[in-house]
Amino acid sequence: MLHKMVSAPINLVIKIAEKVKEEADKELYDLPTIQQKLIQLQMMYELGEIPEEAYKSKEEELIIRYEVAKRLEMEQWEEMTKKK
């Protein structure tokens, strides 16, 4: 019984951390979100709200995230088709 009392809070913290990671990954690698951020970045640059150097830096970061997200999506798709 003591074991359950001690491990229950730890298990809860682990589950919460897993959920936070899942949500963060969803935000970080969500294709529509990345596409929207690229559009917003382009608009900010065209309106002169950010300098070219900042634009290129952020654009590169977003493109890398997009490529990773696309690869993850393809891996999930391949995994799903193998199961069928």
N, C-alpha and C. Protein backbone atom coordinates (compact mmCIF):
# COMPACT_ATOMS: atom_id res chain seq x y z
N MET A 1 0.82 -1.20 0.00
CA MET A 1 0.00 0.00 0.00
C MET A 1 0.86 1.26 0.00
N LEU A 2 1.93 1.22 0.77
CA LEU A 2 2.84 2.37 0.81
C LEU A 2 3.44 2.62 -0.58
N HIS A 3 3.73 1.53 -1.28
CA HIS A 3 4.28 1.65 -2.63
C HIS A 3 3.32 2.42 -3.54
N LYS A 4 2.02 2.11 -3.45
CA LYS A 4 1.03 2.80 -4.28
C LYS A 4 0.92 4.27 -3.91
N MET A 5 1.02 4.57 -2.62
CA MET A 5 0.93 5.96 -2.18
C MET A 5 2.11 6.78 -2.67
N VAL A 6 3.26 6.15 -2.77
CA VAL A 6 4.46 6.85 -3.22
C VAL A 6 4.50 6.94 -4.74
N SER A 7 4.13 5.85 -5.42
CA SER A 7 4.25 5.84 -6.88
C SER A 7 3.12 6.57 -7.59
N ALA A 8 1.97 6.72 -6.97
CA ALA A 8 0.84 7.40 -7.61
C ALA A 8 1.18 8.83 -8.03
N PRO A 9 1.77 9.66 -7.14
CA PRO A 9 2.12 11.03 -7.57
C PRO A 9 3.17 11.03 -8.68
N ILE A 10 4.10 10.10 -8.63
CA ILE A 10 5.13 10.03 -9.66
C ILE A 10 4.50 9.65 -11.00
N ASN A 11 3.61 8.66 -10.96
CA ASN A 11 2.93 8.26 -12.20
C ASN A 11 2.09 9.39 -12.77
N LEU A 12 1.47 10.17 -11.92
CA LEU A 12 0.67 11.32 -12.37
C LEU A 12 1.56 12.36 -13.04
N VAL A 13 2.70 12.64 -12.44
CA VAL A 13 3.65 13.61 -13.02
C VAL A 13 4.13 13.12 -14.37
N ILE A 14 4.41 11.83 -14.48
CA ILE A 14 4.87 11.26 -15.75
C ILE A 14 3.78 11.39 -16.81
N LYS A 15 2.54 11.09 -16.46
CA LYS A 15 1.44 11.21 -17.43
C LYS A 15 1.23 12.66 -17.87
N ILE A 16 1.35 13.58 -16.94
CA ILE A 16 1.21 15.00 -17.27
C ILE A 16 2.33 15.43 -18.20
N ALA A 17 3.56 15.01 -17.90
CA ALA A 17 4.71 15.36 -18.74
C ALA A 17 4.55 14.79 -20.15
N GLU A 18 4.05 13.56 -20.25
CA GLU A 18 3.82 12.96 -21.57
C GLU A 18 2.78 13.75 -22.36
N LYS A 19 1.73 14.19 -21.68
CA LYS A 19 0.68 14.97 -22.34
C LYS A 19 1.21 16.33 -22.80
N VAL A 20 2.01 16.97 -21.96
CA VAL A 20 2.60 18.26 -22.33
C VAL A 20 3.51 18.09 -23.54
N LYS A 21 4.32 17.03 -23.55
CA LYS A 21 5.21 16.77 -24.69
C LYS A 21 4.39 16.52 -25.95
N GLU A 22 3.32 15.75 -25.82
CA GLU A 22 2.46 15.46 -26.96
C GLU A 22 1.87 16.74 -27.54
N GLU A 23 1.39 17.62 -26.68
CA GLU A 23 0.80 18.88 -27.14
C GLU A 23 1.86 19.79 -27.76
N ALA A 24 3.04 19.82 -27.15
CA ALA A 24 4.13 20.65 -27.69
C ALA A 24 4.55 20.14 -29.07
N ASP A 25 4.66 18.82 -29.21
CA ASP A 25 5.02 18.25 -30.51
C ASP A 25 3.95 18.55 -31.55
N LYS A 26 2.69 18.50 -31.12
CA LYS A 26 1.59 18.81 -32.04
C LYS A 26 1.73 20.24 -32.55
N GLU A 27 2.03 21.16 -31.66
CA GLU A 27 2.19 22.57 -32.04
C GLU A 27 3.44 22.75 -32.90
N LEU A 28 4.51 22.09 -32.51
CA LEU A 28 5.79 22.25 -33.19
C LEU A 28 5.78 21.64 -34.58
N TYR A 29 5.10 20.51 -34.75
CA TYR A 29 5.14 19.79 -36.01
C TYR A 29 3.78 19.67 -36.69
N ASP A 30 2.89 20.58 -36.41
CA ASP A 30 1.58 20.60 -37.06
C ASP A 30 1.71 21.34 -38.39
N LEU A 31 1.49 20.62 -39.49
CA LEU A 31 1.69 21.20 -40.82
C LEU A 31 0.87 22.47 -41.07
N PRO A 32 -0.44 22.47 -40.79
CA PRO A 32 -1.19 23.72 -41.02
C PRO A 32 -0.67 24.89 -40.17
N THR A 33 -0.25 24.61 -38.95
CA THR A 33 0.29 25.68 -38.10
C THR A 33 1.57 26.24 -38.69
N ILE A 34 2.44 25.37 -39.16
CA ILE A 34 3.70 25.81 -39.76
C ILE A 34 3.42 26.62 -41.02
N GLN A 35 2.49 26.14 -41.84
CA GLN A 35 2.15 26.87 -43.07
C GLN A 35 1.62 28.26 -42.74
N GLN A 36 0.77 28.36 -41.73
CA GLN A 36 0.22 29.65 -41.32
C GLN A 36 1.32 30.58 -40.83
N LYS A 37 2.26 30.03 -40.08
CA LYS A 37 3.36 30.86 -39.58
C LYS A 37 4.25 31.34 -40.72
N LEU A 38 4.43 30.51 -41.73
CA LEU A 38 5.21 30.94 -42.90
C LEU A 38 4.51 32.08 -43.63
N ILE A 39 3.20 31.98 -43.76
CA ILE A 39 2.43 33.05 -44.41
C ILE A 39 2.52 34.34 -43.61
N GLN A 40 2.35 34.23 -42.29
CA GLN A 40 2.44 35.42 -41.43
C GLN A 40 3.83 36.04 -41.51
N LEU A 41 4.85 35.20 -41.53
CA LEU A 41 6.22 35.70 -41.62
C LEU A 41 6.44 36.45 -42.93
N GLN A 42 5.94 35.89 -44.02
CA GLN A 42 6.06 36.53 -45.34
C GLN A 42 5.37 37.90 -45.33
N MET A 43 4.19 37.95 -44.75
CA MET A 43 3.44 39.21 -44.69
C MET A 43 4.19 40.24 -43.85
N MET A 44 4.72 39.81 -42.71
CA MET A 44 5.47 40.74 -41.85
C MET A 44 6.68 41.30 -42.59
N TYR A 45 7.36 40.45 -43.35
CA TYR A 45 8.53 40.90 -44.10
C TYR A 45 8.12 41.88 -45.21
N GLU A 46 7.08 41.53 -45.94
CA GLU A 46 6.64 42.39 -47.04
C GLU A 46 6.14 43.75 -46.54
N LEU A 47 5.59 43.79 -45.33
CA LEU A 47 5.12 45.05 -44.76
C LEU A 47 6.23 45.82 -44.06
N GLY A 48 7.43 45.26 -44.06
CA GLY A 48 8.57 45.93 -43.45
C GLY A 48 8.58 45.86 -41.93
N GLU A 49 7.84 44.92 -41.36
CA GLU A 49 7.78 44.80 -39.91
C GLU A 49 8.99 44.08 -39.32
N ILE A 50 9.67 43.28 -40.15
CA ILE A 50 10.88 42.60 -39.69
C ILE A 50 11.97 42.75 -40.74
N PRO A 51 13.23 42.80 -40.31
CA PRO A 51 14.32 42.93 -41.28
C PRO A 51 14.55 41.61 -42.04
N GLU A 52 15.25 41.72 -43.16
CA GLU A 52 15.48 40.55 -44.01
C GLU A 52 16.23 39.44 -43.27
N GLU A 53 17.20 39.81 -42.46
CA GLU A 53 17.99 38.81 -41.74
C GLU A 53 17.10 37.98 -40.79
N ALA A 54 16.22 38.66 -40.07
CA ALA A 54 15.30 37.96 -39.15
C ALA A 54 14.34 37.09 -39.95
N TYR A 55 13.88 37.61 -41.07
CA TYR A 55 12.96 36.86 -41.93
C TYR A 55 13.60 35.56 -42.41
N LYS A 56 14.81 35.66 -42.95
CA LYS A 56 15.50 34.48 -43.48
C LYS A 56 15.78 33.46 -42.38
N SER A 57 16.16 33.93 -41.22
CA SER A 57 16.46 33.04 -40.11
C SER A 57 15.21 32.27 -39.67
N LYS A 58 14.12 32.99 -39.49
CA LYS A 58 12.87 32.36 -39.05
C LYS A 58 12.30 31.47 -40.15
N GLU A 59 12.42 31.90 -41.39
CA GLU A 59 11.93 31.10 -42.51
C GLU A 59 12.66 29.76 -42.56
N GLU A 60 13.97 29.80 -42.39
CA GLU A 60 14.77 28.58 -42.40
C GLU A 60 14.32 27.63 -41.29
N GLU A 61 14.10 28.18 -40.10
CA GLU A 61 13.64 27.37 -38.97
C GLU A 61 12.29 26.72 -39.28
N LEU A 62 11.37 27.50 -39.83
CA LEU A 62 10.04 26.98 -40.14
C LEU A 62 10.09 25.93 -41.25
N ILE A 63 10.94 26.11 -42.22
CA ILE A 63 11.06 25.14 -43.31
C ILE A 63 11.62 23.82 -42.78
N ILE A 64 12.59 23.89 -41.88
CA ILE A 64 13.13 22.67 -41.27
C ILE A 64 12.03 21.96 -40.49
N ARG A 65 11.26 22.71 -39.70
CA ARG A 65 10.15 22.11 -38.96
C ARG A 65 9.13 21.49 -39.91
N TYR A 66 8.87 22.15 -41.02
CA TYR A 66 7.93 21.63 -42.01
C TYR A 66 8.43 20.31 -42.59
N GLU A 67 9.71 20.26 -42.93
CA GLU A 67 10.29 19.04 -43.49
C GLU A 67 10.21 17.88 -42.48
N VAL A 68 10.51 18.17 -41.22
CA VAL A 68 10.42 17.14 -40.18
C VAL A 68 8.98 16.67 -40.03
N ALA A 69 8.05 17.61 -40.00
CA ALA A 69 6.63 17.27 -39.86
C ALA A 69 6.15 16.42 -41.03
N LYS A 70 6.59 16.77 -42.21
CA LYS A 70 6.19 16.02 -43.40
C LYS A 70 6.75 14.60 -43.35
N ARG A 71 8.01 14.47 -42.90
CA ARG A 71 8.64 13.16 -42.77
C ARG A 71 7.88 12.31 -41.73
N LEU A 72 7.54 12.92 -40.60
CA LEU A 72 6.79 12.22 -39.56
C LEU A 72 5.43 11.77 -40.08
N GLU A 73 4.79 12.64 -40.84
CA GLU A 73 3.50 12.30 -41.43
C GLU A 73 3.62 11.11 -42.38
N MET A 74 4.67 11.10 -43.19
CA MET A 74 4.88 10.00 -44.13
C MET A 74 5.18 8.70 -43.37
N GLU A 75 5.96 8.78 -42.31
CA GLU A 75 6.26 7.59 -41.51
C GLU A 75 4.99 7.03 -40.88
N GLN A 76 4.13 7.91 -40.38
CA GLN A 76 2.87 7.47 -39.79
C GLN A 76 1.99 6.82 -40.86
N TRP A 77 1.97 7.41 -42.03
CA TRP A 77 1.16 6.87 -43.12
C TRP A 77 1.66 5.48 -43.52
N GLU A 78 2.98 5.34 -43.64
CA GLU A 78 3.55 4.03 -44.00
C GLU A 78 3.25 3.00 -42.92
N GLU A 79 3.34 3.40 -41.67
CA GLU A 79 3.05 2.49 -40.57
C GLU A 79 1.58 2.04 -40.61
N MET A 80 0.70 2.97 -40.89
CA MET A 80 -0.73 2.63 -40.96
C MET A 80 -1.01 1.68 -42.12
N THR A 81 -0.38 1.89 -43.25
CA THR A 81 -0.64 1.04 -44.41
C THR A 81 -0.04 -0.35 -44.24
N LYS A 82 1.02 -0.48 -43.46
CA LYS A 82 1.62 -1.79 -43.20
C LYS A 82 0.71 -2.64 -42.31
N LYS A 83 -0.02 -1.99 -41.41
CA LYS A 83 -0.88 -2.70 -40.48
C LYS A 83 -2.10 -3.29 -41.17
N LYS A 84 -2.49 -2.73 -42.28
CA LYS A 84 -3.71 -3.19 -42.99
C LYS A 84 -3.46 -4.39 -43.80
